[in-house]
Amino acid sequence: MLDHTVSESGACQVVILSGPSGSGKSTLVNRLLQASGVNLIKAISATTRPPRTTEVDGSDYYFLSYNEFMKRRDTREFLEFAEVHGSGYWYGTLHSELQRARNAGGWPLLEIDVQGTLQVMEQFPNVMTFFLKTPSEDVYEQRLRDRGTEPENVIHRRLHTAREELRLAERYRYQIVNDDLDRAVREIVDILELWEAKLNA
């Protein structure tokens, strides 16, 4: 398990990006990994859901059976974990992912939901948290429908979850409006680079 004092000293600062489905998290994370002057290493989440046809185990997610996930949860191998969107599937971040980033001399970037973020905040008071929003709720719904990958009941469930998450957005250090991808990326990059400069001063 990673020593918490290491992260808070700046040697392995933890960065979290959250946001409702349709806020553009995945696109922004990919851009952020390319654009940031800070060495960000994306933490790979573990999940009990089955992989999609294009997904690769150990790259997109660690795909675990329900029993394996619960075994690791019970042995405290997870930094955070939650059952997401009322889907019955569990997601979590293994402590080993933070260690992997530390070994590579980088900062772990976690793309996780609000439930998981609140768990991490209890352990890492100085965690850098970003909540990604769209200009209005209508945008979330339109983006979800444009995907064409979820049935109507799943869309309604995700929109309900989005409303709940938005109520907790103020718990994050920064709220970023993703109305312009380039600007949103630049805003986060500037914050991270300023934070790194302060830690290294």
N, C-alpha and C. Protein backbone atom coordinates (compact mmCIF):
# COMPACT_ATOMS: atom_id res chain seq x y z
N MET A 1 0.84 -1.19 0.00
CA MET A 1 0.00 0.00 0.00
C MET A 1 0.88 1.25 0.00
N LEU A 2 0.50 2.24 -0.75
CA LEU A 2 1.29 3.47 -0.85
C LEU A 2 1.20 4.27 0.42
N ASP A 3 2.32 4.73 0.93
CA ASP A 3 2.35 5.59 2.11
C ASP A 3 1.69 6.92 1.78
N HIS A 4 0.68 7.29 2.56
CA HIS A 4 -0.05 8.53 2.28
C HIS A 4 0.86 9.75 2.32
N THR A 5 1.88 9.73 3.19
CA THR A 5 2.75 10.89 3.29
C THR A 5 3.51 11.14 2.01
N VAL A 6 3.72 10.10 1.24
CA VAL A 6 4.41 10.27 -0.04
C VAL A 6 3.58 11.14 -0.96
N SER A 7 2.29 10.85 -1.07
CA SER A 7 1.43 11.62 -1.95
C SER A 7 1.32 13.06 -1.49
N GLU A 8 1.16 13.26 -0.18
CA GLU A 8 0.95 14.61 0.30
C GLU A 8 2.22 15.44 0.23
N SER A 9 3.37 14.80 0.13
CA SER A 9 4.60 15.55 0.02
C SER A 9 4.83 16.06 -1.40
N GLY A 10 4.02 15.55 -2.34
CA GLY A 10 4.18 16.00 -3.72
C GLY A 10 4.91 15.02 -4.59
N ALA A 11 5.56 14.00 -3.99
CA ALA A 11 6.30 13.04 -4.79
C ALA A 11 5.37 12.20 -5.65
N CYS A 12 4.14 12.04 -5.20
CA CYS A 12 3.19 11.23 -5.97
C CYS A 12 1.80 11.81 -5.76
N GLN A 13 1.61 13.04 -6.18
CA GLN A 13 0.33 13.72 -6.01
C GLN A 13 -0.78 12.96 -6.74
N VAL A 14 -1.90 12.75 -6.08
CA VAL A 14 -3.02 12.05 -6.69
C VAL A 14 -3.96 13.07 -7.35
N VAL A 15 -4.34 12.79 -8.59
CA VAL A 15 -5.23 13.67 -9.35
C VAL A 15 -6.48 12.89 -9.73
N ILE A 16 -7.65 13.49 -9.51
CA ILE A 16 -8.92 12.82 -9.83
C ILE A 16 -9.73 13.69 -10.78
N LEU A 17 -10.30 13.04 -11.78
CA LEU A 17 -11.24 13.70 -12.68
C LEU A 17 -12.55 12.94 -12.64
N SER A 18 -13.62 13.63 -12.30
CA SER A 18 -14.96 13.04 -12.28
C SER A 18 -15.90 13.88 -13.12
N GLY A 19 -17.05 13.31 -13.38
CA GLY A 19 -18.08 14.04 -14.11
C GLY A 19 -19.15 13.08 -14.57
N PRO A 20 -20.36 13.57 -14.76
CA PRO A 20 -21.45 12.70 -15.20
C PRO A 20 -21.20 12.09 -16.57
N SER A 21 -21.90 11.00 -16.85
CA SER A 21 -21.85 10.41 -18.19
C SER A 21 -22.25 11.47 -19.21
N GLY A 22 -21.45 11.61 -20.26
CA GLY A 22 -21.73 12.60 -21.28
C GLY A 22 -20.99 13.92 -21.08
N SER A 23 -20.20 14.01 -20.00
CA SER A 23 -19.46 15.25 -19.76
C SER A 23 -18.18 15.33 -20.57
N GLY A 24 -17.77 14.22 -21.18
CA GLY A 24 -16.58 14.22 -22.02
C GLY A 24 -15.31 13.83 -21.30
N LYS A 25 -15.44 13.07 -20.20
CA LYS A 25 -14.28 12.72 -19.38
C LYS A 25 -13.20 11.98 -20.17
N SER A 26 -13.60 10.93 -20.86
CA SER A 26 -12.60 10.09 -21.53
C SER A 26 -11.83 10.86 -22.59
N THR A 27 -12.53 11.66 -23.36
CA THR A 27 -11.87 12.48 -24.39
C THR A 27 -10.90 13.45 -23.75
N LEU A 28 -11.34 14.09 -22.66
CA LEU A 28 -10.49 15.07 -22.00
C LEU A 28 -9.27 14.40 -21.37
N VAL A 29 -9.45 13.24 -20.76
CA VAL A 29 -8.33 12.54 -20.14
C VAL A 29 -7.27 12.20 -21.19
N ASN A 30 -7.69 11.71 -22.33
CA ASN A 30 -6.73 11.38 -23.40
C ASN A 30 -5.94 12.61 -23.84
N ARG A 31 -6.63 13.73 -23.96
CA ARG A 31 -5.95 14.98 -24.34
C ARG A 31 -5.02 15.45 -23.23
N LEU A 32 -5.48 15.29 -22.01
CA LEU A 32 -4.70 15.73 -20.85
C LEU A 32 -3.39 14.97 -20.74
N LEU A 33 -3.43 13.69 -20.98
CA LEU A 33 -2.23 12.86 -20.91
C LEU A 33 -1.19 13.31 -21.94
N GLN A 34 -1.65 13.82 -23.07
CA GLN A 34 -0.75 14.29 -24.12
C GLN A 34 -0.25 15.70 -23.88
N ALA A 35 -1.12 16.55 -23.30
CA ALA A 35 -0.82 17.98 -23.23
C ALA A 35 -0.12 18.42 -21.94
N SER A 36 -0.27 17.65 -20.88
CA SER A 36 0.23 18.10 -19.58
C SER A 36 1.74 18.03 -19.49
N GLY A 37 2.33 19.09 -18.93
CA GLY A 37 3.75 19.09 -18.64
C GLY A 37 4.07 18.26 -17.41
N VAL A 38 3.06 18.03 -16.58
CA VAL A 38 3.20 17.14 -15.44
C VAL A 38 3.09 15.70 -15.94
N ASN A 39 3.92 14.82 -15.42
CA ASN A 39 3.91 13.43 -15.84
C ASN A 39 2.71 12.71 -15.23
N LEU A 40 1.60 12.68 -15.96
CA LEU A 40 0.39 12.02 -15.49
C LEU A 40 0.35 10.58 -16.01
N ILE A 41 -0.01 9.66 -15.14
CA ILE A 41 -0.13 8.26 -15.52
C ILE A 41 -1.54 7.80 -15.17
N LYS A 42 -2.31 7.42 -16.17
CA LYS A 42 -3.70 7.05 -15.92
C LYS A 42 -3.79 5.74 -15.15
N ALA A 43 -4.47 5.80 -14.02
CA ALA A 43 -4.71 4.59 -13.24
C ALA A 43 -5.76 3.75 -13.96
N ILE A 44 -5.48 2.47 -14.10
CA ILE A 44 -6.42 1.56 -14.75
C ILE A 44 -7.39 1.02 -13.71
N SER A 45 -8.67 1.24 -13.92
CA SER A 45 -9.67 0.77 -12.97
C SER A 45 -9.92 -0.72 -13.14
N ALA A 46 -10.35 -1.33 -12.05
CA ALA A 46 -10.81 -2.72 -12.09
C ALA A 46 -12.33 -2.71 -12.12
N THR A 47 -12.92 -3.70 -12.78
CA THR A 47 -14.38 -3.76 -12.87
C THR A 47 -14.85 -5.21 -12.98
N THR A 48 -16.09 -5.41 -12.54
CA THR A 48 -16.70 -6.74 -12.67
C THR A 48 -17.55 -6.84 -13.94
N ARG A 49 -17.70 -5.75 -14.67
CA ARG A 49 -18.52 -5.85 -15.89
C ARG A 49 -17.72 -6.54 -16.99
N PRO A 50 -18.40 -7.20 -17.90
CA PRO A 50 -17.69 -7.88 -18.99
C PRO A 50 -17.08 -6.87 -19.95
N PRO A 51 -15.97 -7.22 -20.58
CA PRO A 51 -15.35 -6.29 -21.54
C PRO A 51 -16.18 -6.13 -22.80
N ARG A 52 -16.14 -4.92 -23.36
CA ARG A 52 -16.73 -4.70 -24.68
C ARG A 52 -15.77 -5.25 -25.73
N THR A 53 -16.25 -5.38 -26.94
CA THR A 53 -15.46 -6.06 -27.98
C THR A 53 -14.12 -5.37 -28.25
N THR A 54 -14.06 -4.06 -28.07
CA THR A 54 -12.83 -3.33 -28.39
C THR A 54 -11.90 -3.17 -27.18
N GLU A 55 -12.32 -3.62 -26.00
CA GLU A 55 -11.56 -3.38 -24.78
C GLU A 55 -10.55 -4.50 -24.51
N VAL A 56 -9.41 -4.09 -23.93
CA VAL A 56 -8.31 -5.02 -23.65
C VAL A 56 -8.06 -5.06 -22.15
N ASP A 57 -8.02 -6.26 -21.60
CA ASP A 57 -7.74 -6.43 -20.18
C ASP A 57 -6.33 -5.94 -19.86
N GLY A 58 -6.21 -5.15 -18.79
CA GLY A 58 -4.92 -4.62 -18.39
C GLY A 58 -4.55 -3.34 -19.08
N SER A 59 -5.39 -2.91 -20.03
CA SER A 59 -5.15 -1.65 -20.74
C SER A 59 -6.35 -0.71 -20.53
N ASP A 60 -7.53 -1.19 -20.89
CA ASP A 60 -8.73 -0.38 -20.66
C ASP A 60 -9.21 -0.52 -19.22
N TYR A 61 -9.26 -1.74 -18.75
CA TYR A 61 -9.65 -2.07 -17.37
C TYR A 61 -8.94 -3.35 -16.97
N TYR A 62 -8.96 -3.63 -15.67
CA TYR A 62 -8.67 -4.96 -15.18
C TYR A 62 -10.02 -5.63 -15.00
N PHE A 63 -10.33 -6.60 -15.83
CA PHE A 63 -11.63 -7.25 -15.77
C PHE A 63 -11.56 -8.42 -14.79
N LEU A 64 -12.28 -8.28 -13.68
CA LEU A 64 -12.25 -9.27 -12.60
C LEU A 64 -13.62 -9.92 -12.46
N SER A 65 -13.62 -11.15 -12.02
CA SER A 65 -14.89 -11.78 -11.67
C SER A 65 -15.41 -11.12 -10.39
N TYR A 66 -16.69 -11.29 -10.16
CA TYR A 66 -17.29 -10.72 -8.94
C TYR A 66 -16.57 -11.26 -7.70
N ASN A 67 -16.30 -12.55 -7.66
CA ASN A 67 -15.65 -13.15 -6.49
C ASN A 67 -14.24 -12.62 -6.29
N GLU A 68 -13.50 -12.45 -7.40
CA GLU A 68 -12.14 -11.92 -7.30
C GLU A 68 -12.15 -10.48 -6.81
N PHE A 69 -13.10 -9.69 -7.33
CA PHE A 69 -13.21 -8.29 -6.91
C PHE A 69 -13.48 -8.23 -5.41
N MET A 70 -14.42 -9.01 -4.92
CA MET A 70 -14.79 -8.98 -3.51
C MET A 70 -13.65 -9.49 -2.63
N LYS A 71 -12.91 -10.47 -3.13
CA LYS A 71 -11.76 -10.96 -2.38
C LYS A 71 -10.73 -9.83 -2.20
N ARG A 72 -10.48 -9.11 -3.27
CA ARG A 72 -9.51 -8.00 -3.19
C ARG A 72 -10.05 -6.86 -2.33
N ARG A 73 -11.34 -6.65 -2.39
CA ARG A 73 -11.94 -5.63 -1.53
C ARG A 73 -11.75 -6.02 -0.07
N ASP A 74 -12.01 -7.27 0.25
CA ASP A 74 -11.92 -7.72 1.64
C ASP A 74 -10.50 -7.71 2.17
N THR A 75 -9.51 -7.84 1.29
CA THR A 75 -8.11 -7.78 1.72
C THR A 75 -7.54 -6.36 1.58
N ARG A 76 -8.45 -5.40 1.40
CA ARG A 76 -8.10 -3.96 1.39
C ARG A 76 -7.10 -3.60 0.30
N GLU A 77 -7.26 -4.21 -0.86
CA GLU A 77 -6.38 -3.89 -1.98
C GLU A 77 -6.86 -2.68 -2.78
N PHE A 78 -8.08 -2.21 -2.50
CA PHE A 78 -8.64 -1.09 -3.25
C PHE A 78 -8.48 0.22 -2.50
N LEU A 79 -8.06 1.23 -3.23
CA LEU A 79 -8.05 2.60 -2.72
C LEU A 79 -9.49 3.10 -2.60
N GLU A 80 -10.30 2.78 -3.60
CA GLU A 80 -11.72 3.14 -3.61
C GLU A 80 -12.46 2.11 -4.43
N PHE A 81 -13.76 1.98 -4.15
CA PHE A 81 -14.59 1.05 -4.91
C PHE A 81 -16.05 1.43 -4.74
N ALA A 82 -16.85 1.08 -5.73
CA ALA A 82 -18.28 1.40 -5.67
C ALA A 82 -19.02 0.59 -6.71
N GLU A 83 -20.28 0.35 -6.44
CA GLU A 83 -21.19 -0.23 -7.43
C GLU A 83 -21.82 0.96 -8.15
N VAL A 84 -21.67 1.01 -9.46
CA VAL A 84 -21.92 2.24 -10.22
C VAL A 84 -23.20 2.17 -11.05
N HIS A 85 -23.93 3.28 -11.04
CA HIS A 85 -25.13 3.47 -11.88
C HIS A 85 -26.24 2.45 -11.60
N GLY A 86 -26.20 1.81 -10.43
CA GLY A 86 -27.22 0.82 -10.13
C GLY A 86 -27.20 -0.34 -11.11
N SER A 87 -26.04 -0.57 -11.72
CA SER A 87 -25.93 -1.58 -12.78
C SER A 87 -25.66 -2.97 -12.26
N GLY A 88 -25.24 -3.04 -10.98
CA GLY A 88 -24.82 -4.33 -10.43
C GLY A 88 -23.35 -4.60 -10.65
N TYR A 89 -22.67 -3.76 -11.44
CA TYR A 89 -21.25 -3.92 -11.69
C TYR A 89 -20.45 -3.04 -10.74
N TRP A 90 -19.33 -3.57 -10.27
CA TRP A 90 -18.46 -2.85 -9.35
C TRP A 90 -17.24 -2.32 -10.09
N TYR A 91 -16.77 -1.17 -9.64
CA TYR A 91 -15.57 -0.55 -10.17
C TYR A 91 -14.69 -0.13 -8.99
N GLY A 92 -13.38 -0.13 -9.21
CA GLY A 92 -12.49 0.31 -8.14
C GLY A 92 -11.09 0.57 -8.64
N THR A 93 -10.32 1.26 -7.82
CA THR A 93 -8.91 1.55 -8.13
C THR A 93 -8.03 0.81 -7.14
N LEU A 94 -7.16 -0.02 -7.63
CA LEU A 94 -6.25 -0.78 -6.77
C LEU A 94 -5.12 0.13 -6.26
N HIS A 95 -4.71 -0.11 -5.01
CA HIS A 95 -3.55 0.63 -4.47
C HIS A 95 -2.33 0.45 -5.36
N SER A 96 -2.22 -0.70 -5.99
CA SER A 96 -1.06 -0.98 -6.82
C SER A 96 -0.94 -0.03 -8.00
N GLU A 97 -2.06 0.58 -8.42
CA GLU A 97 -2.01 1.55 -9.51
C GLU A 97 -1.31 2.83 -9.09
N LEU A 98 -1.48 3.22 -7.84
CA LEU A 98 -0.75 4.38 -7.32
C LEU A 98 0.73 4.07 -7.24
N GLN A 99 1.04 2.86 -6.81
CA GLN A 99 2.43 2.46 -6.73
C GLN A 99 3.08 2.42 -8.12
N ARG A 100 2.32 1.96 -9.11
CA ARG A 100 2.83 1.91 -10.49
C ARG A 100 3.19 3.32 -10.96
N ALA A 101 2.33 4.29 -10.68
CA ALA A 101 2.61 5.67 -11.08
C ALA A 101 3.84 6.21 -10.33
N ARG A 102 3.91 5.90 -9.05
CA ARG A 102 5.05 6.35 -8.25
C ARG A 102 6.35 5.78 -8.80
N ASN A 103 6.33 4.50 -9.13
CA ASN A 103 7.54 3.85 -9.66
C ASN A 103 7.99 4.48 -10.97
N ALA A 104 7.04 5.00 -11.73
CA ALA A 104 7.34 5.63 -13.01
C ALA A 104 7.64 7.11 -12.87
N GLY A 105 7.66 7.61 -11.63
CA GLY A 105 7.97 9.01 -11.39
C GLY A 105 6.86 9.96 -11.80
N GLY A 106 5.62 9.47 -11.80
CA GLY A 106 4.50 10.30 -12.24
C GLY A 106 3.42 10.45 -11.19
N TRP A 107 2.41 11.21 -11.55
CA TRP A 107 1.24 11.39 -10.70
C TRP A 107 0.11 10.52 -11.24
N PRO A 108 -0.52 9.71 -10.40
CA PRO A 108 -1.64 8.90 -10.88
C PRO A 108 -2.86 9.78 -11.16
N LEU A 109 -3.47 9.55 -12.31
CA LEU A 109 -4.69 10.26 -12.71
C LEU A 109 -5.83 9.26 -12.66
N LEU A 110 -6.78 9.50 -11.77
CA LEU A 110 -7.91 8.60 -11.60
C LEU A 110 -9.15 9.20 -12.26
N GLU A 111 -9.74 8.47 -13.18
CA GLU A 111 -11.01 8.87 -13.78
C GLU A 111 -12.09 8.03 -13.11
N ILE A 112 -12.66 8.58 -12.02
CA ILE A 112 -13.58 7.81 -11.19
C ILE A 112 -14.82 8.63 -10.86
N ASP A 113 -15.82 7.97 -10.27
CA ASP A 113 -17.07 8.65 -9.96
C ASP A 113 -17.00 9.35 -8.61
N VAL A 114 -18.09 10.03 -8.27
CA VAL A 114 -18.12 10.83 -7.04
C VAL A 114 -17.98 9.96 -5.80
N GLN A 115 -18.64 8.79 -5.79
CA GLN A 115 -18.55 7.90 -4.63
C GLN A 115 -17.09 7.56 -4.33
N GLY A 116 -16.37 7.19 -5.37
CA GLY A 116 -14.97 6.83 -5.19
C GLY A 116 -14.12 8.01 -4.76
N THR A 117 -14.42 9.18 -5.33
CA THR A 117 -13.66 10.38 -4.99
C THR A 117 -13.77 10.71 -3.51
N LEU A 118 -14.97 10.62 -2.97
CA LEU A 118 -15.17 10.92 -1.56
C LEU A 118 -14.37 9.96 -0.68
N GLN A 119 -14.25 8.70 -1.12
CA GLN A 119 -13.43 7.74 -0.37
C GLN A 119 -11.96 8.13 -0.40
N VAL A 120 -11.49 8.55 -1.57
CA VAL A 120 -10.08 8.94 -1.69
C VAL A 120 -9.79 10.19 -0.88
N MET A 121 -10.72 11.13 -0.87
CA MET A 121 -10.53 12.38 -0.13
C MET A 121 -10.34 12.14 1.36
N GLU A 122 -10.96 11.07 1.88
CA GLU A 122 -10.79 10.74 3.30
C GLU A 122 -9.36 10.30 3.59
N GLN A 123 -8.72 9.69 2.59
CA GLN A 123 -7.37 9.16 2.79
C GLN A 123 -6.28 10.15 2.38
N PHE A 124 -6.59 11.00 1.38
CA PHE A 124 -5.63 11.95 0.85
C PHE A 124 -6.24 13.36 0.88
N PRO A 125 -6.14 14.06 2.00
CA PRO A 125 -6.76 15.39 2.09
C PRO A 125 -6.29 16.37 1.02
N ASN A 126 -5.08 16.19 0.51
CA ASN A 126 -4.54 17.12 -0.48
C ASN A 126 -4.73 16.66 -1.92
N VAL A 127 -5.60 15.69 -2.14
CA VAL A 127 -5.84 15.19 -3.49
C VAL A 127 -6.35 16.32 -4.38
N MET A 128 -5.88 16.34 -5.63
CA MET A 128 -6.33 17.35 -6.60
C MET A 128 -7.57 16.81 -7.30
N THR A 129 -8.71 17.44 -7.09
CA THR A 129 -9.97 16.93 -7.63
C THR A 129 -10.57 17.92 -8.63
N PHE A 130 -10.96 17.39 -9.78
CA PHE A 130 -11.59 18.18 -10.84
C PHE A 130 -12.94 17.55 -11.18
N PHE A 131 -13.97 18.37 -11.22
CA PHE A 131 -15.30 17.91 -11.62
C PHE A 131 -15.62 18.53 -12.96
N LEU A 132 -15.86 17.68 -13.95
CA LEU A 132 -16.11 18.14 -15.32
C LEU A 132 -17.61 18.26 -15.57
N LYS A 133 -18.03 19.41 -16.05
CA LYS A 133 -19.45 19.68 -16.28
C LYS A 133 -19.67 20.11 -17.72
N THR A 134 -20.90 19.99 -18.19
CA THR A 134 -21.30 20.60 -19.46
C THR A 134 -22.11 21.84 -19.13
N PRO A 135 -22.34 22.73 -20.11
CA PRO A 135 -23.05 23.98 -19.82
C PRO A 135 -24.46 23.77 -19.28
N SER A 136 -25.13 22.67 -19.64
CA SER A 136 -26.49 22.43 -19.16
C SER A 136 -26.77 20.93 -19.14
N GLU A 137 -27.80 20.53 -18.40
CA GLU A 137 -28.16 19.10 -18.31
C GLU A 137 -28.60 18.56 -19.66
N ASP A 138 -29.18 19.40 -20.50
CA ASP A 138 -29.62 18.94 -21.82
C ASP A 138 -28.46 18.36 -22.62
N VAL A 139 -27.27 18.92 -22.42
CA VAL A 139 -26.10 18.45 -23.17
C VAL A 139 -25.75 17.02 -22.78
N TYR A 140 -25.84 16.70 -21.47
CA TYR A 140 -25.58 15.33 -21.03
C TYR A 140 -26.49 14.35 -21.77
N GLU A 141 -27.78 14.68 -21.76
CA GLU A 141 -28.76 13.78 -22.36
C GLU A 141 -28.50 13.61 -23.85
N GLN A 142 -28.21 14.72 -24.54
CA GLN A 142 -27.98 14.65 -25.98
C GLN A 142 -26.76 13.79 -26.30
N ARG A 143 -25.69 13.97 -25.53
CA ARG A 143 -24.48 13.19 -25.77
C ARG A 143 -24.71 11.70 -25.52
N LEU A 144 -25.49 11.38 -24.47
CA LEU A 144 -25.79 9.98 -24.19
C LEU A 144 -26.59 9.36 -25.33
N ARG A 145 -27.55 10.12 -25.84
CA ARG A 145 -28.38 9.60 -26.93
C ARG A 145 -27.57 9.49 -28.23
N ASP A 146 -26.65 10.43 -28.44
CA ASP A 146 -25.84 10.40 -29.66
C ASP A 146 -24.92 9.18 -29.70
N ARG A 147 -24.54 8.67 -28.53
CA ARG A 147 -23.69 7.47 -28.50
C ARG A 147 -24.38 6.29 -29.17
N GLY A 148 -25.69 6.19 -28.90
CA GLY A 148 -26.45 5.08 -29.46
C GLY A 148 -26.06 3.72 -28.91
N THR A 149 -25.49 3.70 -27.68
CA THR A 149 -25.01 2.43 -27.11
C THR A 149 -25.84 1.95 -25.93
N GLU A 150 -26.73 2.80 -25.39
CA GLU A 150 -27.50 2.42 -24.21
C GLU A 150 -28.99 2.46 -24.49
N PRO A 151 -29.75 1.51 -23.92
CA PRO A 151 -31.21 1.55 -24.04
C PRO A 151 -31.78 2.68 -23.20
N GLU A 152 -33.05 2.96 -23.41
CA GLU A 152 -33.70 4.11 -22.76
C GLU A 152 -33.63 4.04 -21.23
N ASN A 153 -33.84 2.84 -20.67
CA ASN A 153 -33.82 2.75 -19.21
C ASN A 153 -32.44 3.07 -18.63
N VAL A 154 -31.38 2.70 -19.36
CA VAL A 154 -30.02 3.00 -18.90
C VAL A 154 -29.75 4.49 -19.00
N ILE A 155 -30.23 5.13 -20.06
CA ILE A 155 -30.07 6.58 -20.20
C ILE A 155 -30.73 7.31 -19.04
N HIS A 156 -31.95 6.91 -18.70
CA HIS A 156 -32.65 7.55 -17.57
C HIS A 156 -31.90 7.32 -16.26
N ARG A 157 -31.34 6.14 -16.08
CA ARG A 157 -30.59 5.84 -14.87
C ARG A 157 -29.32 6.69 -14.79
N ARG A 158 -28.65 6.85 -15.92
CA ARG A 158 -27.43 7.66 -15.94
C ARG A 158 -27.75 9.14 -15.71
N LEU A 159 -28.87 9.61 -16.23
CA LEU A 159 -29.26 11.01 -16.01
C LEU A 159 -29.60 11.25 -14.54
N HIS A 160 -30.24 10.26 -13.91
CA HIS A 160 -30.53 10.37 -12.48
C HIS A 160 -29.22 10.45 -11.68
N THR A 161 -28.26 9.58 -12.05
CA THR A 161 -26.96 9.60 -11.38
C THR A 161 -26.27 10.94 -11.59
N ALA A 162 -26.38 11.49 -12.80
CA ALA A 162 -25.75 12.78 -13.11
C ALA A 162 -26.28 13.87 -12.19
N ARG A 163 -27.59 13.89 -11.97
CA ARG A 163 -28.18 14.91 -11.09
C ARG A 163 -27.65 14.78 -9.67
N GLU A 164 -27.51 13.53 -9.22
CA GLU A 164 -26.98 13.30 -7.88
C GLU A 164 -25.52 13.75 -7.79
N GLU A 165 -24.74 13.46 -8.82
CA GLU A 165 -23.33 13.85 -8.82
C GLU A 165 -23.16 15.35 -8.86
N LEU A 166 -23.99 16.02 -9.63
CA LEU A 166 -23.89 17.49 -9.73
C LEU A 166 -24.13 18.16 -8.39
N ARG A 167 -24.93 17.55 -7.55
CA ARG A 167 -25.18 18.12 -6.22
C ARG A 167 -23.93 18.09 -5.34
N LEU A 168 -23.01 17.20 -5.68
CA LEU A 168 -21.79 17.06 -4.88
C LEU A 168 -20.57 17.71 -5.54
N ALA A 169 -20.78 18.39 -6.66
CA ALA A 169 -19.67 18.99 -7.40
C ALA A 169 -18.89 19.99 -6.56
N GLU A 170 -19.57 20.65 -5.63
CA GLU A 170 -18.90 21.67 -4.82
C GLU A 170 -17.89 21.06 -3.85
N ARG A 171 -17.91 19.74 -3.67
CA ARG A 171 -16.92 19.09 -2.81
C ARG A 171 -15.54 19.02 -3.49
N TYR A 172 -15.49 19.26 -4.78
CA TYR A 172 -14.25 19.20 -5.54
C TYR A 172 -13.49 20.52 -5.46
N ARG A 173 -12.18 20.45 -5.59
CA ARG A 173 -11.37 21.67 -5.58
C ARG A 173 -11.70 22.57 -6.76
N TYR A 174 -11.88 21.94 -7.92
CA TYR A 174 -12.10 22.72 -9.15
C TYR A 174 -13.28 22.14 -9.93
N GLN A 175 -14.10 23.03 -10.49
CA GLN A 175 -15.16 22.63 -11.39
C GLN A 175 -14.84 23.20 -12.77
N ILE A 176 -14.77 22.33 -13.75
CA ILE A 176 -14.37 22.71 -15.09
C ILE A 176 -15.56 22.53 -16.03
N VAL A 177 -15.93 23.59 -16.74
CA VAL A 177 -17.02 23.51 -17.71
C VAL A 177 -16.44 23.11 -19.06
N ASN A 178 -16.89 21.98 -19.57
CA ASN A 178 -16.37 21.47 -20.84
C ASN A 178 -17.24 21.95 -22.01
N ASP A 179 -17.24 23.26 -22.21
CA ASP A 179 -17.95 23.82 -23.37
C ASP A 179 -17.00 24.03 -24.54
N ASP A 180 -15.70 23.97 -24.26
CA ASP A 180 -14.66 24.06 -25.29
C ASP A 180 -13.53 23.15 -24.83
N LEU A 181 -13.29 22.07 -25.54
CA LEU A 181 -12.33 21.06 -25.09
C LEU A 181 -10.93 21.62 -24.92
N ASP A 182 -10.46 22.40 -25.89
CA ASP A 182 -9.10 22.96 -25.80
C ASP A 182 -8.95 23.84 -24.56
N ARG A 183 -9.97 24.67 -24.31
CA ARG A 183 -9.89 25.56 -23.14
C ARG A 183 -9.93 24.76 -21.85
N ALA A 184 -10.79 23.72 -21.78
CA ALA A 184 -10.90 22.91 -20.57
C ALA A 184 -9.59 22.19 -20.28
N VAL A 185 -8.96 21.63 -21.32
CA VAL A 185 -7.67 20.96 -21.15
C VAL A 185 -6.62 21.95 -20.66
N ARG A 186 -6.58 23.11 -21.29
CA ARG A 186 -5.59 24.11 -20.91
C ARG A 186 -5.77 24.58 -19.47
N GLU A 187 -7.02 24.71 -19.06
CA GLU A 187 -7.31 25.16 -17.69
C GLU A 187 -6.78 24.14 -16.67
N ILE A 188 -7.01 22.87 -16.93
CA ILE A 188 -6.53 21.84 -16.00
C ILE A 188 -5.01 21.75 -16.03
N VAL A 189 -4.42 21.80 -17.22
CA VAL A 189 -2.96 21.76 -17.35
C VAL A 189 -2.32 22.90 -16.58
N ASP A 190 -2.86 24.10 -16.70
CA ASP A 190 -2.30 25.26 -16.00
C ASP A 190 -2.35 25.06 -14.48
N ILE A 191 -3.47 24.53 -13.99
CA ILE A 191 -3.61 24.30 -12.55
C ILE A 191 -2.58 23.27 -12.07
N LEU A 192 -2.44 22.18 -12.81
CA LEU A 192 -1.51 21.12 -12.42
C LEU A 192 -0.07 21.61 -12.45
N GLU A 193 0.29 22.35 -13.48
CA GLU A 193 1.67 22.82 -13.59
C GLU A 193 1.99 23.85 -12.51
N LEU A 194 1.01 24.68 -12.16
CA LEU A 194 1.21 25.64 -11.07
C LEU A 194 1.38 24.89 -9.74
N TRP A 195 0.58 23.86 -9.54
CA TRP A 195 0.66 23.06 -8.32
C TRP A 195 2.01 22.36 -8.23
N GLU A 196 2.47 21.81 -9.35
CA GLU A 196 3.77 21.14 -9.35
C GLU A 196 4.89 22.12 -9.02
N ALA A 197 4.80 23.33 -9.58
CA ALA A 197 5.84 24.34 -9.32
C ALA A 197 5.88 24.71 -7.83
N LYS A 198 4.71 24.79 -7.20
CA LYS A 198 4.67 25.11 -5.76
C LYS A 198 5.27 23.99 -4.93
N LEU A 199 4.97 22.74 -5.31
CA LEU A 199 5.50 21.60 -4.57
C LEU A 199 7.02 21.50 -4.69
N ASN A 200 7.53 21.92 -5.84
CA ASN A 200 8.97 21.81 -6.08
C ASN A 200 9.74 23.06 -5.68
N ALA A 201 9.02 24.09 -5.23
CA ALA A 201 9.68 25.36 -4.86
C ALA A 201 10.57 25.18 -3.64
